[in-house]
Protein backbone atom coordinates (compact mmCIF):
# COMPACT_ATOMS: atom_id res chain seq x y z
CA UNK A 1 8.07 1.78 -52.63
CA UNK A 2 8.41 4.99 -50.61
CA UNK A 3 12.21 4.85 -51.00
CA UNK A 4 11.89 5.21 -54.76
CA UNK A 5 9.22 7.89 -54.54
CA UNK A 6 11.24 9.81 -51.97
CA UNK A 7 14.37 9.62 -54.10
CA UNK A 8 12.56 10.81 -57.24
CA UNK A 9 10.77 13.64 -55.47
CA UNK A 10 13.95 14.76 -53.72
CA UNK A 11 15.90 14.70 -56.99
CA UNK A 12 13.38 16.85 -58.87
CA UNK A 13 13.24 19.43 -56.06
CA UNK A 14 16.78 19.51 -54.68
CA UNK A 15 18.90 17.48 -57.06
CA UNK A 16 21.30 14.69 -56.07
CA UNK A 17 21.42 15.64 -52.38
CA UNK A 18 17.62 15.75 -52.27
CA UNK A 19 17.47 12.30 -53.86
CA UNK A 20 19.66 10.88 -51.08
CA UNK A 21 17.61 12.53 -48.34
CA UNK A 22 14.37 11.43 -50.01
CA UNK A 23 15.60 7.85 -50.28
CA UNK A 24 16.49 7.74 -46.58
CA UNK A 25 13.14 9.26 -45.57
CA UNK A 26 11.31 6.79 -47.79
CA UNK A 27 13.23 3.88 -46.26
CA UNK A 28 12.12 4.98 -42.80
CA UNK A 29 8.49 5.10 -43.95
CA UNK A 30 8.76 1.68 -45.61
CA UNK A 31 10.21 0.19 -42.42
CA UNK A 32 7.43 1.71 -40.34
CA UNK A 33 4.76 0.37 -42.70
CA UNK A 34 6.30 -3.11 -42.73
CA UNK A 35 7.27 -3.51 -39.08
CA UNK A 36 5.32 -0.86 -37.16
CA UNK A 37 6.86 1.10 -34.27
CA UNK A 38 9.06 -1.87 -33.37
CA UNK A 39 11.03 -1.46 -36.55
CA UNK A 40 11.99 2.05 -35.52
CA UNK A 41 13.80 0.88 -32.40
CA UNK A 42 15.65 -2.37 -33.19
CA UNK A 43 17.73 -2.11 -29.99
CA UNK A 44 14.71 -3.25 -27.98
CA UNK A 45 14.21 -6.36 -30.13
CA UNK A 46 15.75 -8.75 -27.60
CA UNK A 47 13.50 -7.38 -24.85
CA UNK A 48 10.37 -7.70 -26.99
CA UNK A 49 11.23 -11.24 -28.02
CA UNK A 50 11.94 -12.25 -24.43
CA UNK A 51 8.64 -10.85 -23.15
CA UNK A 52 6.70 -12.44 -26.02
CA UNK A 53 8.24 -15.86 -25.38
CA UNK A 54 7.72 -15.63 -21.61
CA UNK A 55 4.08 -14.60 -22.04
CA UNK A 56 3.32 -17.41 -24.47
CA UNK A 57 4.64 -20.21 -22.25
CA UNK A 58 3.31 -18.78 -18.98
CA UNK A 59 -0.18 -18.41 -20.45
CA UNK A 60 0.08 -21.88 -22.02
CA UNK A 61 0.71 -23.21 -18.53
CA UNK A 62 -2.24 -21.31 -17.10
CA UNK A 63 -4.45 -22.50 -19.97
CA UNK A 64 -3.43 -26.13 -19.49
CA UNK A 65 -4.21 -25.89 -15.76
CA UNK A 66 -7.44 -23.92 -16.20
CA UNK A 67 -9.64 -27.01 -15.79
CA UNK A 68 -7.79 -28.12 -12.66
CA UNK A 69 -5.28 -30.53 -14.19
CA UNK A 70 -2.67 -30.61 -16.92
CA UNK A 71 -3.57 -33.47 -19.27
CA UNK A 72 -1.10 -35.74 -21.01
CA UNK A 73 -2.34 -34.38 -24.33
CA UNK A 74 -1.50 -30.83 -23.27
CA UNK A 75 1.95 -31.84 -22.04
CA UNK A 76 2.53 -33.67 -25.32
CA UNK A 77 1.42 -30.62 -27.29
CA UNK A 78 3.84 -28.35 -25.45
CA UNK A 79 6.67 -30.84 -25.99
CA UNK A 80 5.82 -31.06 -29.70
CA UNK A 81 5.57 -27.27 -29.82
CA UNK A 82 9.07 -26.87 -28.37
CA UNK A 83 10.46 -29.55 -30.69
CA UNK A 84 8.87 -27.81 -33.67
CA UNK A 85 10.52 -24.56 -32.63
CA UNK A 86 13.90 -26.26 -32.58
CA UNK A 87 14.69 -24.91 -29.14
CA UNK A 88 18.10 -25.45 -27.61
CA UNK A 89 18.32 -27.45 -24.38
CA UNK A 90 18.69 -24.25 -22.33
CA UNK A 91 15.70 -22.63 -24.01
CA UNK A 92 13.61 -25.79 -23.50
CA UNK A 93 14.41 -25.80 -19.80
CA UNK A 94 13.47 -22.13 -19.59
CA UNK A 95 10.21 -22.72 -21.46
CA UNK A 96 9.30 -25.65 -19.20
CA UNK A 97 10.00 -23.52 -16.12
CA UNK A 98 7.74 -20.76 -17.49
CA UNK A 99 5.00 -23.29 -18.30
CA UNK A 100 5.14 -24.67 -14.76
CA UNK A 101 5.12 -21.15 -13.36
CA UNK A 102 1.93 -20.34 -15.26
CA UNK A 103 0.36 -23.66 -14.22
CA UNK A 104 0.87 -22.86 -10.53
CA UNK A 105 -2.59 -22.44 -8.93
CA UNK A 106 -1.67 -19.19 -7.19
CA UNK A 107 0.06 -17.57 -10.16
CA UNK A 108 -1.56 -14.26 -11.23
CA UNK A 109 -1.30 -13.80 -15.01
CA UNK A 110 -2.39 -10.14 -15.05
CA UNK A 111 1.02 -8.58 -14.26
CA UNK A 112 2.56 -10.62 -17.08
CA UNK A 113 -0.17 -9.46 -19.47
CA UNK A 114 0.44 -5.88 -18.32
CA UNK A 115 4.14 -6.30 -19.12
CA UNK A 116 3.29 -7.79 -22.52
CA UNK A 117 1.02 -4.84 -23.31
CA UNK A 118 3.66 -2.35 -22.21
CA UNK A 119 6.40 -3.91 -24.34
CA UNK A 120 4.52 -5.54 -27.24
CA UNK A 121 0.98 -4.17 -27.07
CA UNK A 122 1.57 -1.48 -29.73
CA UNK A 123 1.46 -4.21 -32.39
CA UNK A 124 -1.81 -5.75 -33.57
CA UNK A 125 0.19 -8.62 -35.06
CA UNK A 126 1.89 -9.49 -31.76
CA UNK A 127 -1.38 -9.41 -29.84
CA UNK A 128 -3.05 -11.57 -32.46
CA UNK A 129 -0.17 -14.06 -32.66
CA UNK A 130 -0.22 -14.46 -28.87
CA UNK A 131 -3.90 -15.37 -29.06
CA UNK A 132 -3.32 -17.67 -32.05
CA UNK A 133 -0.66 -19.64 -30.15
CA UNK A 134 -2.96 -19.96 -27.14
CA UNK A 135 -5.97 -21.00 -29.24
CA UNK A 136 -3.88 -23.69 -30.95
CA UNK A 137 -2.81 -24.89 -27.50
CA UNK A 138 -6.40 -24.97 -26.28
CA UNK A 139 -7.48 -26.93 -29.35
CA UNK A 140 -4.66 -29.47 -29.02
CA UNK A 141 -7.15 -32.10 -27.84
CA UNK A 142 -9.69 -31.19 -30.53
CA UNK A 143 -11.92 -28.82 -28.57
CA UNK A 144 -12.01 -26.04 -25.99
CA UNK A 145 -13.55 -26.86 -22.64
CA UNK A 146 -15.48 -24.20 -20.71
CA UNK A 147 -12.55 -23.31 -18.43
CA UNK A 148 -10.14 -22.90 -21.37
CA UNK A 149 -12.57 -20.74 -23.31
CA UNK A 150 -13.22 -18.58 -20.25
CA UNK A 151 -9.51 -17.93 -19.74
CA UNK A 152 -8.96 -17.22 -23.44
CA UNK A 153 -11.76 -14.68 -23.35
CA UNK A 154 -10.20 -12.99 -20.31
CA UNK A 155 -6.86 -12.75 -22.10
CA UNK A 156 -8.51 -11.56 -25.34
CA UNK A 157 -10.41 -8.87 -23.44
CA UNK A 158 -7.18 -7.64 -21.83
CA UNK A 159 -5.60 -7.52 -25.30
CA UNK A 160 -8.43 -5.32 -26.58
CA UNK A 161 -10.53 -7.89 -28.45
CA UNK A 162 -14.29 -7.57 -28.36
CA UNK A 163 -16.46 -10.64 -27.87
CA UNK A 164 -17.32 -10.64 -31.58
CA UNK A 165 -13.69 -10.13 -32.70
CA UNK A 166 -12.49 -13.00 -30.52
CA UNK A 167 -15.23 -15.32 -31.83
CA UNK A 168 -14.18 -14.55 -35.39
CA UNK A 169 -10.50 -15.17 -34.64
CA UNK A 170 -11.33 -18.43 -32.86
CA UNK A 171 -13.43 -19.62 -35.80
CA UNK A 172 -10.72 -18.64 -38.28
CA UNK A 173 -7.93 -20.47 -36.43
CA UNK A 174 -10.08 -23.56 -35.92
CA UNK A 175 -10.88 -23.76 -39.63
CA UNK A 176 -7.34 -22.91 -40.70
CA UNK A 177 -6.24 -25.96 -38.72
CA UNK A 178 -8.50 -28.08 -40.93
CA UNK A 179 -6.05 -27.35 -43.77
CA UNK A 180 -2.96 -28.60 -41.94
CA UNK A 181 -0.97 -30.64 -44.43
CA UNK A 182 -2.21 -28.67 -47.41
CA UNK A 183 -5.86 -29.64 -47.77
CA UNK A 184 -8.97 -30.29 -45.74
CA UNK A 185 -10.37 -33.82 -45.59
CA UNK A 186 -13.68 -32.53 -44.27
CA UNK A 187 -16.86 -33.06 -46.26
CA UNK A 188 -17.46 -29.34 -45.74
CA UNK A 189 -14.01 -28.30 -46.94
CA UNK A 190 -15.26 -25.31 -48.95
CA UNK A 191 -17.24 -23.98 -45.97
CA UNK A 192 -14.13 -24.47 -43.83
CA UNK A 193 -12.08 -22.51 -46.36
CA UNK A 194 -14.36 -19.48 -46.22
CA UNK A 195 -14.36 -19.54 -42.43
CA UNK A 196 -10.56 -19.88 -42.40
CA UNK A 197 -10.37 -16.56 -44.24
CA UNK A 198 -13.06 -14.94 -42.13
CA UNK A 199 -15.45 -14.44 -45.04
CA UNK A 200 -18.56 -16.08 -46.52
CA UNK A 201 -19.66 -17.65 -49.80
CA UNK A 202 -21.40 -14.38 -50.63
CA UNK A 203 -18.11 -12.44 -50.53
CA UNK A 204 -16.97 -10.99 -53.83
CA UNK A 205 -13.75 -12.10 -55.50
CA UNK A 206 -12.20 -8.81 -54.42
CA UNK A 207 -13.25 -9.40 -50.80
CA UNK A 208 -11.84 -12.93 -50.91
CA UNK A 209 -8.50 -11.69 -52.22
CA UNK A 210 -8.41 -8.84 -49.68
CA UNK A 211 -9.03 -11.22 -46.76
CA UNK A 212 -6.38 -13.61 -48.07
CA UNK A 213 -3.75 -10.89 -48.48
CA UNK A 214 -4.49 -9.48 -45.03
CA UNK A 215 -3.96 -12.85 -43.36
CA UNK A 216 -0.80 -13.58 -45.35
CA UNK A 217 0.55 -10.20 -44.29
CA UNK A 218 -0.26 -10.93 -40.64
CA UNK A 219 1.59 -14.24 -40.81
CA UNK A 220 4.54 -12.89 -42.82
CA UNK A 221 7.79 -14.05 -41.13
CA UNK A 222 9.83 -10.88 -41.77
CA UNK A 223 7.05 -8.65 -40.49
CA UNK A 224 6.52 -10.71 -37.33
CA UNK A 225 10.24 -10.92 -36.55
CA UNK A 226 10.55 -7.18 -37.15
CA UNK A 227 7.80 -6.55 -34.64
CA UNK A 228 9.12 -8.88 -31.95
CA UNK A 229 8.18 -12.53 -32.51
CA UNK A 230 11.29 -14.66 -31.75
CA UNK A 231 12.73 -16.20 -34.90
CA UNK A 232 12.36 -19.73 -33.52
CA UNK A 233 8.61 -19.17 -33.06
CA UNK A 234 8.03 -18.08 -36.65
CA UNK A 235 7.55 -21.71 -37.72
CA UNK A 236 4.02 -21.69 -36.26
CA UNK A 237 3.08 -18.56 -38.20
CA UNK A 238 4.55 -20.14 -41.33
CA UNK A 239 2.31 -23.17 -40.89
CA UNK A 240 -0.73 -20.94 -40.42
CA UNK A 241 0.18 -19.11 -43.62
CA UNK A 242 0.34 -22.43 -45.50
CA UNK A 243 -3.11 -23.32 -44.18
CA UNK A 244 -4.48 -19.93 -45.28
CA UNK A 245 -2.90 -20.49 -48.70
CA UNK A 246 -4.53 -23.92 -49.01
CA UNK A 247 -7.93 -22.50 -48.05
CA UNK A 248 -7.60 -19.65 -50.55
CA UNK A 249 -6.48 -22.01 -53.33
CA UNK A 250 -9.57 -24.17 -52.77
CA UNK A 251 -11.91 -21.17 -52.90
CA UNK A 252 -10.25 -19.82 -56.04
CA UNK A 253 -10.30 -23.24 -57.74
CA UNK A 254 -14.02 -23.72 -57.05
CA UNK A 255 -14.89 -20.22 -58.23
CA UNK A 256 -12.87 -20.68 -61.42
CA UNK A 257 -14.63 -24.00 -62.04
CA UNK A 258 -18.03 -22.38 -61.54
CA UNK A 259 -17.17 -19.59 -63.98
CA UNK A 260 -15.97 -22.10 -66.59
CA UNK A 261 -19.17 -24.14 -66.19
CA UNK A 262 -21.44 -21.08 -66.50
């Protein structure tokens, strides 16, 4: 959008040369709006992706061990997670090593979080996606135990989330997961849908659409890859986006039905 505006403005003021300069300036603004500061320095992309991946698997290990033992369900979830990502054999071995490192009783996660914040912390999307991956891991057996929730809150606090903001994100991810496969089988599917979008039944149509668009933007593959999420990890964000879409479609369908019946 800004590329076209920049080109038009430059042309009217300075002619053809101004149009070229305006187009370039607009492209820079568009890239910044789409990808944040990360998009301005693509040469650091490999470093960002490496730190993001390391942090995810190390914290997954710490989360799995938080209650004193790594359960078979948690091991299975990590294996399924790696399979879903389509990791190469070398990457799988690296991920397993990181998971075991995080699960070590004497491993201190705070330096790794500090590194994540230094390299990736500029991006709200990267901080949120890190928490989303960890919440999904914690919920792999259907619920969060006290030790898992405590650790997640410590991580969320370090990432700049308030108690209220973390509760809302946790509730949203939990209810988004109800729409895995395209629809919720819950008797309270409509309530789940509103919670999945972080809104309520009293929200206006405009508020519903705004919440939906915000979440779809946060889970957008190109935006996440531009900011530093490794391409092979985008599949999880894509699934979350499908769940958000299913929740929104249900809300919209019910509201349309209510309007037609009125």
